[in-house]
Amino acid sequence: MNNEEKKTGWLENFPVLLFTVIMGYSGLTLALQIAGEVYLSKITLLITTCLFLLILLIYIMKIIVCRNSVIHEWQHPIKISFFPAISISILLLSMLFKTFSIEIATILWLVGIAAQTLLALSVLANWIGNRPYETIHISPAWFIPTVGNIIAAAGGVDLGFIQISWIFFSAGVIFWILLLTLVFNRLIFHDPLPERMVPTLAILVAPPAVTFLAWIKFNGGNVDSMAHAMYGASLAFLALTLTQARLLIKLAFSLSWWALSFPFAALVSATMIYGTALNSQLHLLLGRAGVFLLFLLIVGLSLRTVLAFFRKEICMPD
């Protein structure tokens, strides 16, 4: 390996998957805001923003310096699903900044929906285009573009973009239902997920949990039949994910472990909102316990990621 390859090696292999780190930190910050932890949420928002800018800057450098590597990621049947994590990160930051500045939140949301529209449609066009996909390429990571649409709706309602939010919400829910059938067909009737993709099973929790959060906003904070159904579905998918815990424990660390963070954060936020709306002390208690566990999860994943980078376990060729 020559000196130039050594300089760009880690950059060339810097994965778009790292934007799920921002999703995890954003989910933690949102949960802390809902829990009323003002001081802690400000700290985590600062960390989230700095991490987003750092990861975005590095990935822009990768686009400039290692363009072929980015094209390879885009053409990869599994990695392509993670590109909308970029737009989702922007949309989540919009939701978090709403507490401090409507103007900043609005700008971020508009940028986020533009990026989400471009990336989600591009991924969908890739799926249904001329390129052949095989069943083994399907994984819960395919829900990521869908989740982005629903997050766009959740943020847009608060900013007054009701009609646009309905469009994103409708598209997100419809494609979630369609993809759910494909994913379960793959999980049940075909080979098990590769080891590094097993943590993505947690993504099953995200669509119903985020749908609950968006629906509550559309419904003026009231819990109706739809809200009950989505929250119940979140718990059902959580239980299903926990049945595979024995497999997770045996796995070596990889960046896909960050797939655990945002779905759990979305469920924790949904639990606290659910408890507040129903005045259920049990759900509020579970929500606060969830925030504590989520905090430990994010800290643990962060430390393990830093350690893995210095051990050259990540940002290396597949």
C-alpha atoms as a PDB file:
ATOM      1  CA  MET A   1       0.000   0.000   0.000  1.00  0.00           C
ATOM      2  CA  ASN A   2       1.523   3.365  -1.022  1.00  0.00           C
ATOM      3  CA  ASN A   3       1.398   6.543   1.087  1.00  0.00           C
ATOM      4  CA  GLU A   4      -1.587   7.978  -0.818  1.00  0.00           C
ATOM      5  CA  GLU A   5      -3.613   4.818  -0.192  1.00  0.00           C
ATOM      6  CA  LYS A   6      -2.754   4.973   3.502  1.00  0.00           C
ATOM      7  CA  LYS A   7      -3.972   8.555   3.685  1.00  0.00           C
ATOM      8  CA  THR A   8      -7.314   7.867   2.019  1.00  0.00           C
ATOM      9  CA  GLY A   9      -7.895   4.259   3.114  1.00  0.00           C
ATOM     10  CA  TRP A  10     -10.117   5.042   6.108  1.00  0.00           C
ATOM     11  CA  LEU A  11     -11.834   7.843   4.199  1.00  0.00           C
ATOM     12  CA  GLU A  12     -12.553   5.590   1.234  1.00  0.00           C
ATOM     13  CA  ASN A  13     -14.220   3.108   3.566  1.00  0.00           C
ATOM     14  CA  PHE A  14     -16.051   5.724   5.658  1.00  0.00           C
ATOM     15  CA  PRO A  15     -19.606   4.333   5.490  1.00  0.00           C
ATOM     16  CA  VAL A  16     -22.894   6.169   4.997  1.00  0.00           C
ATOM     17  CA  LEU A  17     -24.094   3.841   7.773  1.00  0.00           C
ATOM     18  CA  LEU A  18     -22.456   6.230  10.264  1.00  0.00           C
ATOM     19  CA  PHE A  19     -25.372   8.640   9.818  1.00  0.00           C
ATOM     20  CA  THR A  20     -27.363   6.183  11.954  1.00  0.00           C
ATOM     21  CA  VAL A  21     -25.186   7.464  14.807  1.00  0.00           C
ATOM     22  CA  ILE A  22     -26.856  10.857  14.349  1.00  0.00           C
ATOM     23  CA  MET A  23     -30.258   9.179  14.337  1.00  0.00           C
ATOM     24  CA  GLY A  24     -29.418   7.501  17.642  1.00  0.00           C
ATOM     25  CA  TYR A  25     -28.204  10.714  19.290  1.00  0.00           C
ATOM     26  CA  SER A  26     -31.191  12.637  17.910  1.00  0.00           C
ATOM     27  CA  GLY A  27     -33.547  10.004  19.307  1.00  0.00           C
ATOM     28  CA  LEU A  28     -31.903  10.318  22.724  1.00  0.00           C
ATOM     29  CA  THR A  29     -32.158  14.111  22.635  1.00  0.00           C
ATOM     30  CA  LEU A  30     -35.824  13.981  21.649  1.00  0.00           C
ATOM     31  CA  ALA A  31     -36.559  11.530  24.475  1.00  0.00           C
ATOM     32  CA  LEU A  32     -34.776  13.823  26.950  1.00  0.00           C
ATOM     33  CA  GLN A  33     -36.777  16.823  25.714  1.00  0.00           C
ATOM     34  CA  ILE A  34     -40.047  14.937  26.143  1.00  0.00           C
ATOM     35  CA  ALA A  35     -38.940  13.817  29.612  1.00  0.00           C
ATOM     36  CA  GLY A  36     -38.328  17.454  30.573  1.00  0.00           C
ATOM     37  CA  GLU A  37     -34.569  17.007  31.022  1.00  0.00           C
ATOM     38  CA  VAL A  38     -33.759  20.488  29.722  1.00  0.00           C
ATOM     39  CA  TYR A  39     -30.079  20.650  30.722  1.00  0.00           C
ATOM     40  CA  LEU A  40     -29.176  17.173  29.492  1.00  0.00           C
ATOM     41  CA  SER A  41     -31.112  17.621  26.250  1.00  0.00           C
ATOM     42  CA  LYS A  42     -29.178  20.808  25.491  1.00  0.00           C
ATOM     43  CA  ILE A  43     -25.893  18.968  25.984  1.00  0.00           C
ATOM     44  CA  THR A  44     -26.923  16.047  23.782  1.00  0.00           C
ATOM     45  CA  LEU A  45     -28.282  18.445  21.136  1.00  0.00           C
ATOM     46  CA  LEU A  46     -24.906  20.172  21.006  1.00  0.00           C
ATOM     47  CA  ILE A  47     -23.146  16.810  20.710  1.00  0.00           C
ATOM     48  CA  THR A  48     -25.618  15.643  18.050  1.00  0.00           C
ATOM     49  CA  THR A  49     -25.158  18.800  15.986  1.00  0.00           C
ATOM     50  CA  CYS A  50     -21.364  18.634  16.169  1.00  0.00           C
ATOM     51  CA  LEU A  51     -21.340  14.943  15.262  1.00  0.00           C
ATOM     52  CA  PHE A  52     -23.661  15.569  12.322  1.00  0.00           C
ATOM     53  CA  LEU A  53     -21.474  18.363  10.970  1.00  0.00           C
ATOM     54  CA  LEU A  54     -18.345  16.240  11.434  1.00  0.00           C
ATOM     55  CA  ILE A  55     -19.770  13.133   9.744  1.00  0.00           C
ATOM     56  CA  LEU A  56     -21.331  15.213   6.959  1.00  0.00           C
ATOM     57  CA  LEU A  57     -18.040  17.020   6.322  1.00  0.00           C
ATOM     58  CA  ILE A  58     -16.108  13.759   6.192  1.00  0.00           C
ATOM     59  CA  TYR A  59     -18.635  12.206   3.829  1.00  0.00           C
ATOM     60  CA  ILE A  60     -18.486  15.263   1.543  1.00  0.00           C
ATOM     61  CA  MET A  61     -14.694  14.817   1.538  1.00  0.00           C
ATOM     62  CA  LYS A  62     -15.250  11.193   0.584  1.00  0.00           C
ATOM     63  CA  ILE A  63     -17.499  12.255  -2.315  1.00  0.00           C
ATOM     64  CA  ILE A  64     -14.769  14.575  -3.567  1.00  0.00           C
ATOM     65  CA  VAL A  65     -11.735  12.361  -2.962  1.00  0.00           C
ATOM     66  CA  CYS A  66     -13.164   8.837  -3.261  1.00  0.00           C
ATOM     67  CA  ARG A  67     -16.049   9.235  -5.680  1.00  0.00           C
ATOM     68  CA  ASN A  68     -15.897   5.633  -6.896  1.00  0.00           C
ATOM     69  CA  SER A  69     -16.297   4.374  -3.334  1.00  0.00           C
ATOM     70  CA  VAL A  70     -19.490   6.438  -2.920  1.00  0.00           C
ATOM     71  CA  ILE A  71     -20.809   5.066  -6.210  1.00  0.00           C
ATOM     72  CA  HIS A  72     -20.023   1.557  -4.984  1.00  0.00           C
ATOM     73  CA  GLU A  73     -22.041   2.197  -1.805  1.00  0.00           C
ATOM     74  CA  TRP A  74     -24.939   3.540  -3.855  1.00  0.00           C
ATOM     75  CA  GLN A  75     -24.874   0.502  -6.116  1.00  0.00           C
ATOM     76  CA  HIS A  76     -24.659  -1.926  -3.195  1.00  0.00           C
ATOM     77  CA  PRO A  77     -28.030  -3.719  -2.757  1.00  0.00           C
ATOM     78  CA  ILE A  78     -27.967  -3.310   1.040  1.00  0.00           C
ATOM     79  CA  LYS A  79     -25.936  -0.151   1.699  1.00  0.00           C
ATOM     80  CA  ILE A  80     -28.135   1.969  -0.574  1.00  0.00           C
ATOM     81  CA  SER A  81     -30.937   1.766   2.019  1.00  0.00           C
ATOM     82  CA  PHE A  82     -28.834   3.751   4.482  1.00  0.00           C
ATOM     83  CA  PHE A  83     -28.469   6.870   2.314  1.00  0.00           C
ATOM     84  CA  PRO A  84     -31.800   8.363   3.504  1.00  0.00           C
ATOM     85  CA  ALA A  85     -30.284   8.340   7.008  1.00  0.00           C
ATOM     86  CA  ILE A  86     -28.665  11.602   5.857  1.00  0.00           C
ATOM     87  CA  SER A  87     -31.992  13.330   5.233  1.00  0.00           C
ATOM     88  CA  ILE A  88     -33.514  11.728   8.335  1.00  0.00           C
ATOM     89  CA  SER A  89     -30.710  13.227  10.436  1.00  0.00           C
ATOM     90  CA  ILE A  90     -31.533  16.700   9.089  1.00  0.00           C
ATOM     91  CA  LEU A  91     -35.260  16.214   9.750  1.00  0.00           C
ATOM     92  CA  LEU A  92     -34.589  15.047  13.304  1.00  0.00           C
ATOM     93  CA  LEU A  93     -32.365  18.062  13.954  1.00  0.00           C
ATOM     94  CA  SER A  94     -35.256  20.228  12.755  1.00  0.00           C
ATOM     95  CA  MET A  95     -37.529  18.658  15.373  1.00  0.00           C
ATOM     96  CA  LEU A  96     -34.915  19.180  18.080  1.00  0.00           C
ATOM     97  CA  PHE A  97     -34.209  22.830  17.212  1.00  0.00           C
ATOM     98  CA  LYS A  98     -37.917  23.715  17.211  1.00  0.00           C
ATOM     99  CA  THR A  99     -37.693  24.299  20.958  1.00  0.00           C
ATOM    100  CA  PHE A 100     -35.069  27.012  20.459  1.00  0.00           C
ATOM    101  CA  SER A 101     -35.768  28.562  17.054  1.00  0.00           C
ATOM    102  CA  ILE A 102     -38.732  28.077  14.715  1.00  0.00           C
ATOM    103  CA  GLU A 103     -36.752  29.759  11.924  1.00  0.00           C
ATOM    104  CA  ILE A 104     -33.809  27.338  12.160  1.00  0.00           C
ATOM    105  CA  ALA A 105     -36.187  24.398  12.515  1.00  0.00           C
ATOM    106  CA  THR A 106     -38.104  25.476   9.408  1.00  0.00           C
ATOM    107  CA  ILE A 107     -34.955  25.858   7.314  1.00  0.00           C
ATOM    108  CA  LEU A 108     -33.701  22.444   8.422  1.00  0.00           C
ATOM    109  CA  TRP A 109     -37.088  20.875   7.697  1.00  0.00           C
ATOM    110  CA  LEU A 110     -37.254  22.323   4.200  1.00  0.00           C
ATOM    111  CA  VAL A 111     -33.720  21.142   3.453  1.00  0.00           C
ATOM    112  CA  GLY A 112     -34.566  17.787   5.026  1.00  0.00           C
ATOM    113  CA  ILE A 113     -37.705  17.140   2.985  1.00  0.00           C
ATOM    114  CA  ALA A 114     -35.908  18.122  -0.214  1.00  0.00           C
ATOM    115  CA  ALA A 115     -33.129  15.649   0.571  1.00  0.00           C
ATOM    116  CA  GLN A 116     -35.633  13.018   1.754  1.00  0.00           C
ATOM    117  CA  THR A 117     -37.683  13.340  -1.436  1.00  0.00           C
ATOM    118  CA  LEU A 118     -34.593  13.023  -3.623  1.00  0.00           C
ATOM    119  CA  LEU A 119     -33.026  10.141  -1.719  1.00  0.00           C
ATOM    120  CA  ALA A 120     -36.220   8.164  -1.061  1.00  0.00           C
ATOM    121  CA  LEU A 121     -37.385   8.402  -4.671  1.00  0.00           C
ATOM    122  CA  SER A 122     -33.901   7.542  -5.931  1.00  0.00           C
ATOM    123  CA  VAL A 123     -33.755   4.454  -3.720  1.00  0.00           C
ATOM    124  CA  LEU A 124     -37.248   3.376  -4.792  1.00  0.00           C
ATOM    125  CA  ALA A 125     -36.398   3.960  -8.442  1.00  0.00           C
ATOM    126  CA  ASN A 126     -33.303   1.810  -7.959  1.00  0.00           C
ATOM    127  CA  TRP A 127     -35.385  -0.971  -6.393  1.00  0.00           C
ATOM    128  CA  ILE A 128     -37.961  -1.100  -9.184  1.00  0.00           C
ATOM    129  CA  GLY A 129     -35.616  -0.248 -12.055  1.00  0.00           C
ATOM    130  CA  ASN A 130     -33.826  -2.569 -14.424  1.00  0.00           C
ATOM    131  CA  ARG A 131     -31.339  -3.796 -11.856  1.00  0.00           C
ATOM    132  CA  PRO A 132     -32.204  -7.280 -10.539  1.00  0.00           C
ATOM    133  CA  TYR A 133     -32.508  -7.713  -6.777  1.00  0.00           C
ATOM    134  CA  GLU A 134     -32.570 -11.037  -4.988  1.00  0.00           C
ATOM    135  CA  THR A 135     -34.544 -11.957  -1.899  1.00  0.00           C
ATOM    136  CA  ILE A 136     -31.345 -12.186   0.186  1.00  0.00           C
ATOM    137  CA  HIS A 137     -30.792  -8.466  -0.390  1.00  0.00           C
ATOM    138  CA  ILE A 138     -33.954  -7.583   1.558  1.00  0.00           C
ATOM    139  CA  SER A 139     -33.513  -6.643   5.207  1.00  0.00           C
ATOM    140  CA  PRO A 140     -35.240  -4.433   7.805  1.00  0.00           C
ATOM    141  CA  ALA A 141     -32.865  -1.661   6.670  1.00  0.00           C
ATOM    142  CA  TRP A 142     -35.241  -1.243   3.715  1.00  0.00           C
ATOM    143  CA  PHE A 143     -37.612   0.497   6.149  1.00  0.00           C
ATOM    144  CA  ILE A 144     -35.227   3.455   6.525  1.00  0.00           C
ATOM    145  CA  PRO A 145     -36.524   5.473   3.518  1.00  0.00           C
ATOM    146  CA  THR A 146     -40.074   4.848   4.742  1.00  0.00           C
ATOM    147  CA  VAL A 147     -39.279   5.987   8.283  1.00  0.00           C
ATOM    148  CA  GLY A 148     -37.819   9.170   6.834  1.00  0.00           C
ATOM    149  CA  ASN A 149     -41.139  10.071   5.216  1.00  0.00           C
ATOM    150  CA  ILE A 150     -43.030   9.626   8.480  1.00  0.00           C
ATOM    151  CA  ILE A 151     -40.446  11.660  10.414  1.00  0.00           C
ATOM    152  CA  ALA A 152     -40.834  14.419   7.822  1.00  0.00           C
ATOM    153  CA  ALA A 153     -44.573  14.406   8.555  1.00  0.00           C
ATOM    154  CA  ALA A 154     -44.063  14.518  12.327  1.00  0.00           C
ATOM    155  CA  GLY A 155     -41.808  17.544  12.058  1.00  0.00           C
ATOM    156  CA  GLY A 156     -43.904  19.315   9.448  1.00  0.00           C
ATOM    157  CA  VAL A 157     -47.105  19.344  11.514  1.00  0.00           C
ATOM    158  CA  ASP A 158     -45.451  21.336  14.289  1.00  0.00           C
ATOM    159  CA  LEU A 159     -44.193  23.875  11.761  1.00  0.00           C
ATOM    160  CA  GLY A 160     -47.592  24.313  10.105  1.00  0.00           C
ATOM    161  CA  PHE A 161     -46.952  22.368   6.894  1.00  0.00           C
ATOM    162  CA  ILE A 162     -50.043  20.217   7.324  1.00  0.00           C
ATOM    163  CA  GLN A 163     -50.878  19.298   3.718  1.00  0.00           C
ATOM    164  CA  ILE A 164     -47.295  18.442   2.771  1.00  0.00           C
ATOM    165  CA  SER A 165     -46.968  16.413   5.967  1.00  0.00           C
ATOM    166  CA  TRP A 166     -50.020  14.341   5.027  1.00  0.00           C
ATOM    167  CA  ILE A 167     -48.408  13.482   1.705  1.00  0.00           C
ATOM    168  CA  PHE A 168     -45.212  12.275   3.373  1.00  0.00           C
ATOM    169  CA  PHE A 169     -47.151  10.456   6.081  1.00  0.00           C
ATOM    170  CA  SER A 170     -49.366   8.629   3.591  1.00  0.00           C
ATOM    171  CA  ALA A 171     -46.420   7.591   1.425  1.00  0.00           C
ATOM    172  CA  GLY A 172     -44.476   6.418   4.451  1.00  0.00           C
ATOM    173  CA  VAL A 173     -47.256   4.285   5.921  1.00  0.00           C
ATOM    174  CA  ILE A 174     -48.214   2.719   2.580  1.00  0.00           C
ATOM    175  CA  PHE A 175     -44.655   1.732   1.729  1.00  0.00           C
ATOM    176  CA  TRP A 176     -44.079   0.487   5.282  1.00  0.00           C
ATOM    177  CA  ILE A 177     -46.980  -1.940   4.915  1.00  0.00           C
ATOM    178  CA  LEU A 178     -45.774  -3.073   1.479  1.00  0.00           C
ATOM    179  CA  LEU A 179     -42.184  -3.551   2.630  1.00  0.00           C
ATOM    180  CA  LEU A 180     -43.286  -5.307   5.822  1.00  0.00           C
ATOM    181  CA  THR A 181     -44.686  -8.135   3.701  1.00  0.00           C
ATOM    182  CA  LEU A 182     -41.475  -8.430   1.697  1.00  0.00           C
ATOM    183  CA  VAL A 183     -39.250  -8.356   4.776  1.00  0.00           C
ATOM    184  CA  PHE A 184     -41.213 -11.045   6.606  1.00  0.00           C
ATOM    185  CA  ASN A 185     -41.253 -13.210   3.503  1.00  0.00           C
ATOM    186  CA  ARG A 186     -37.472 -12.952   3.419  1.00  0.00           C
ATOM    187  CA  LEU A 187     -37.043 -13.591   7.164  1.00  0.00           C
ATOM    188  CA  ILE A 188     -39.354 -16.608   7.271  1.00  0.00           C
ATOM    189  CA  PHE A 189     -38.856 -18.418   3.984  1.00  0.00           C
ATOM    190  CA  HIS A 190     -35.220 -17.706   3.116  1.00  0.00           C
ATOM    191  CA  ASP A 191     -31.750 -17.895   4.627  1.00  0.00           C
ATOM    192  CA  PRO A 192     -31.179 -16.101   7.956  1.00  0.00           C
ATOM    193  CA  LEU A 193     -29.791 -12.589   7.898  1.00  0.00           C
ATOM    194  CA  PRO A 194     -25.986 -12.303   7.737  1.00  0.00           C
ATOM    195  CA  GLU A 195     -24.527 -11.820  11.215  1.00  0.00           C
ATOM    196  CA  ARG A 196     -23.697  -8.154  10.678  1.00  0.00           C
ATOM    197  CA  MET A 197     -27.293  -7.456   9.643  1.00  0.00           C
ATOM    198  CA  VAL A 198     -28.957  -9.157  12.622  1.00  0.00           C
ATOM    199  CA  PRO A 199     -29.037  -5.904  14.690  1.00  0.00           C
ATOM    200  CA  THR A 200     -31.174  -4.328  11.946  1.00  0.00           C
ATOM    201  CA  LEU A 201     -34.070  -6.463  13.190  1.00  0.00           C
ATOM    202  CA  ALA A 202     -34.597  -3.683  15.738  1.00  0.00           C
ATOM    203  CA  ILE A 203     -35.629  -1.406  12.859  1.00  0.00           C
ATOM    204  CA  LEU A 204     -38.938  -3.304  12.821  1.00  0.00           C
ATOM    205  CA  VAL A 205     -39.880  -1.246  15.887  1.00  0.00           C
ATOM    206  CA  ALA A 206     -39.251   2.128  14.249  1.00  0.00           C
ATOM    207  CA  PRO A 207     -42.074   2.486  11.658  1.00  0.00           C
ATOM    208  CA  PRO A 208     -45.023   1.907  14.050  1.00  0.00           C
ATOM    209  CA  ALA A 209     -43.378   3.945  16.827  1.00  0.00           C
ATOM    210  CA  VAL A 210     -42.691   6.886  14.506  1.00  0.00           C
ATOM    211  CA  THR A 211     -46.164   6.533  12.985  1.00  0.00           C
ATOM    212  CA  PHE A 212     -47.592   6.855  16.501  1.00  0.00           C
ATOM    213  CA  LEU A 213     -45.556  10.026  17.105  1.00  0.00           C
ATOM    214  CA  ALA A 214     -46.718  11.568  13.823  1.00  0.00           C
ATOM    215  CA  TRP A 215     -50.355  10.513  14.224  1.00  0.00           C
ATOM    216  CA  ILE A 216     -50.545  12.036  17.699  1.00  0.00           C
ATOM    217  CA  LYS A 217     -49.468  15.372  16.203  1.00  0.00           C
ATOM    218  CA  PHE A 218     -52.065  15.147  13.419  1.00  0.00           C
ATOM    219  CA  ASN A 219     -54.680  14.255  16.039  1.00  0.00           C
ATOM    220  CA  GLY A 220     -53.967  17.178  18.343  1.00  0.00           C
ATOM    221  CA  GLY A 221     -52.324  15.063  21.040  1.00  0.00           C
ATOM    222  CA  ASN A 222     -55.315  12.760  21.483  1.00  0.00           C
ATOM    223  CA  VAL A 223     -54.912   8.994  21.676  1.00  0.00           C
ATOM    224  CA  ASP A 224     -57.507   7.352  19.442  1.00  0.00           C
ATOM    225  CA  SER A 225     -57.843   3.849  17.973  1.00  0.00           C
ATOM    226  CA  MET A 226     -55.094   4.443  15.416  1.00  0.00           C
ATOM    227  CA  ALA A 227     -52.697   5.655  18.096  1.00  0.00           C
ATOM    228  CA  HIS A 228     -53.470   2.656  20.320  1.00  0.00           C
ATOM    229  CA  ALA A 229     -52.887   0.325  17.367  1.00  0.00           C
ATOM    230  CA  MET A 230     -49.530   1.856  16.412  1.00  0.00           C
ATOM    231  CA  TYR A 231     -48.241   1.887  19.975  1.00  0.00           C
ATOM    232  CA  GLY A 232     -49.355  -1.714  20.422  1.00  0.00           C
ATOM    233  CA  ALA A 233     -47.638  -2.676  17.151  1.00  0.00           C
ATOM    234  CA  SER A 234     -44.421  -1.072  18.413  1.00  0.00           C
ATOM    235  CA  LEU A 235     -44.523  -3.249  21.531  1.00  0.00           C
ATOM    236  CA  ALA A 236     -45.283  -6.339  19.451  1.00  0.00           C
ATOM    237  CA  PHE A 237     -42.257  -5.748  17.208  1.00  0.00           C
ATOM    238  CA  LEU A 238     -40.127  -5.044  20.281  1.00  0.00           C
ATOM    239  CA  ALA A 239     -41.133  -8.412  21.711  1.00  0.00           C
ATOM    240  CA  LEU A 240     -40.354 -10.073  18.394  1.00  0.00           C
ATOM    241  CA  THR A 241     -36.924  -8.426  18.307  1.00  0.00           C
ATOM    242  CA  LEU A 242     -36.185  -9.570  21.867  1.00  0.00           C
ATOM    243  CA  THR A 243     -36.752 -13.185  20.836  1.00  0.00           C
ATOM    244  CA  GLN A 244     -33.543 -12.834  18.806  1.00  0.00           C
ATOM    245  CA  ALA A 245     -31.542 -11.387  21.704  1.00  0.00           C
ATOM    246  CA  ARG A 246     -29.573 -14.595  22.097  1.00  0.00           C
ATOM    247  CA  LEU A 247     -28.174 -14.116  18.593  1.00  0.00           C
ATOM    248  CA  LEU A 248     -27.230 -10.492  19.272  1.00  0.00           C
ATOM    249  CA  ILE A 249     -25.279 -11.370  22.400  1.00  0.00           C
ATOM    250  CA  LYS A 250     -23.032 -13.717  20.431  1.00  0.00           C
ATOM    251  CA  LEU A 251     -22.204 -11.235  17.672  1.00  0.00           C
ATOM    252  CA  ALA A 252     -19.029  -9.208  17.345  1.00  0.00           C
ATOM    253  CA  PHE A 253     -19.462  -5.447  17.287  1.00  0.00           C
ATOM    254  CA  SER A 254     -20.113  -3.729  13.966  1.00  0.00           C
ATOM    255  CA  LEU A 255     -21.596  -0.391  12.960  1.00  0.00           C
ATOM    256  CA  SER A 256     -24.937  -2.086  12.308  1.00  0.00           C
ATOM    257  CA  TRP A 257     -25.353  -2.218  16.104  1.00  0.00           C
ATOM    258  CA  TRP A 258     -26.354   1.459  15.841  1.00  0.00           C
ATOM    259  CA  ALA A 259     -29.573   0.175  14.278  1.00  0.00           C
ATOM    260  CA  LEU A 260     -30.677  -0.588  17.843  1.00  0.00           C
ATOM    261  CA  SER A 261     -30.534   3.042  18.954  1.00  0.00           C
ATOM    262  CA  PHE A 262     -33.141   5.031  17.041  1.00  0.00           C
ATOM    263  CA  PRO A 263     -35.965   2.438  17.106  1.00  0.00           C
ATOM    264  CA  PHE A 264     -35.578   2.117  20.884  1.00  0.00           C
ATOM    265  CA  ALA A 265     -35.464   5.913  21.222  1.00  0.00           C
ATOM    266  CA  ALA A 266     -38.653   6.267  19.158  1.00  0.00           C
ATOM    267  CA  LEU A 267     -40.420   3.716  21.353  1.00  0.00           C
ATOM    268  CA  VAL A 268     -39.254   5.434  24.547  1.00  0.00           C
ATOM    269  CA  SER A 269     -40.571   8.790  23.281  1.00  0.00           C
ATOM    270  CA  ALA A 270     -43.850   7.158  22.233  1.00  0.00           C
ATOM    271  CA  THR A 271     -44.204   5.565  25.669  1.00  0.00           C
ATOM    272  CA  MET A 272     -43.811   8.877  27.486  1.00  0.00           C
ATOM    273  CA  ILE A 273     -46.265  10.657  25.178  1.00  0.00           C
ATOM    274  CA  TYR A 274     -48.687   7.739  25.493  1.00  0.00           C
ATOM    275  CA  GLY A 275     -48.418   7.881  29.276  1.00  0.00           C
ATOM    276  CA  THR A 276     -48.937  11.642  29.380  1.00  0.00           C
ATOM    277  CA  ALA A 277     -51.997  11.504  27.096  1.00  0.00           C
ATOM    278  CA  LEU A 278     -53.630   8.728  29.150  1.00  0.00           C
ATOM    279  CA  ASN A 279     -52.313   9.964  32.500  1.00  0.00           C
ATOM    280  CA  SER A 280     -50.786   6.517  32.979  1.00  0.00           C
ATOM    281  CA  GLN A 281     -48.140   6.565  35.687  1.00  0.00           C
ATOM    282  CA  LEU A 282     -46.987   3.100  34.632  1.00  0.00           C
ATOM    283  CA  HIS A 283     -46.160   4.246  31.107  1.00  0.00           C
ATOM    284  CA  LEU A 284     -44.485   7.399  32.394  1.00  0.00           C
ATOM    285  CA  LEU A 285     -42.361   5.283  34.731  1.00  0.00           C
ATOM    286  CA  LEU A 286     -41.483   2.889  31.924  1.00  0.00           C
ATOM    287  CA  GLY A 287     -40.666   5.844  29.677  1.00  0.00           C
ATOM    288  CA  ARG A 288     -38.264   7.370  32.192  1.00  0.00           C
ATOM    289  CA  ALA A 289     -36.627   3.998  32.781  1.00  0.00           C
ATOM    290  CA  GLY A 290     -36.336   3.714  29.014  1.00  0.00           C
ATOM    291  CA  VAL A 291     -34.583   7.076  28.795  1.00  0.00           C
ATOM    292  CA  PHE A 292     -31.985   5.865  31.297  1.00  0.00           C
ATOM    293  CA  LEU A 293     -31.434   2.611  29.392  1.00  0.00           C
ATOM    294  CA  LEU A 294     -31.287   4.525  26.107  1.00  0.00           C
ATOM    295  CA  PHE A 295     -28.632   6.826  27.554  1.00  0.00           C
ATOM    296  CA  LEU A 296     -26.549   3.805  28.581  1.00  0.00           C
ATOM    297  CA  LEU A 297     -27.019   2.248  25.139  1.00  0.00           C
ATOM    298  CA  ILE A 298     -25.855   5.392  23.317  1.00  0.00           C
ATOM    299  CA  VAL A 299     -22.835   5.801  25.590  1.00  0.00           C
ATOM    300  CA  GLY A 300     -21.920   2.139  25.194  1.00  0.00           C
ATOM    301  CA  LEU A 301     -22.259   2.216  21.408  1.00  0.00           C
ATOM    302  CA  SER A 302     -20.246   5.447  21.222  1.00  0.00           C
ATOM    303  CA  LEU A 303     -17.357   4.079  23.278  1.00  0.00           C
ATOM    304  CA  ARG A 304     -17.361   0.818  21.344  1.00  0.00           C
ATOM    305  CA  THR A 305     -17.373   2.690  18.017  1.00  0.00           C
ATOM    306  CA  VAL A 306     -14.378   4.829  18.987  1.00  0.00           C
ATOM    307  CA  LEU A 307     -12.535   1.733  20.188  1.00  0.00           C
ATOM    308  CA  ALA A 308     -13.386  -0.116  16.976  1.00  0.00           C
ATOM    309  CA  PHE A 309     -12.058   2.778  14.878  1.00  0.00           C
ATOM    310  CA  PHE A 310      -8.687   2.784  16.601  1.00  0.00           C
ATOM    311  CA  ARG A 311      -8.533  -1.009  16.423  1.00  0.00           C
ATOM    312  CA  LYS A 312      -9.241  -0.714  12.678  1.00  0.00           C
ATOM    313  CA  GLU A 313     -12.390  -2.816  13.017  1.00  0.00           C
ATOM    314  CA  ILE A 314     -14.470  -0.239  11.136  1.00  0.00           C
ATOM    315  CA  CYS A 315     -13.842   2.058   8.164  1.00  0.00           C
ATOM    316  CA  MET A 316     -12.004  -0.841   6.597  1.00  0.00           C
ATOM    317  CA  PRO A 317     -12.668  -2.761   3.371  1.00  0.00           C
ATOM    318  CA  ASP A 318     -15.585  -5.237   3.644  1.00  0.00           C
END
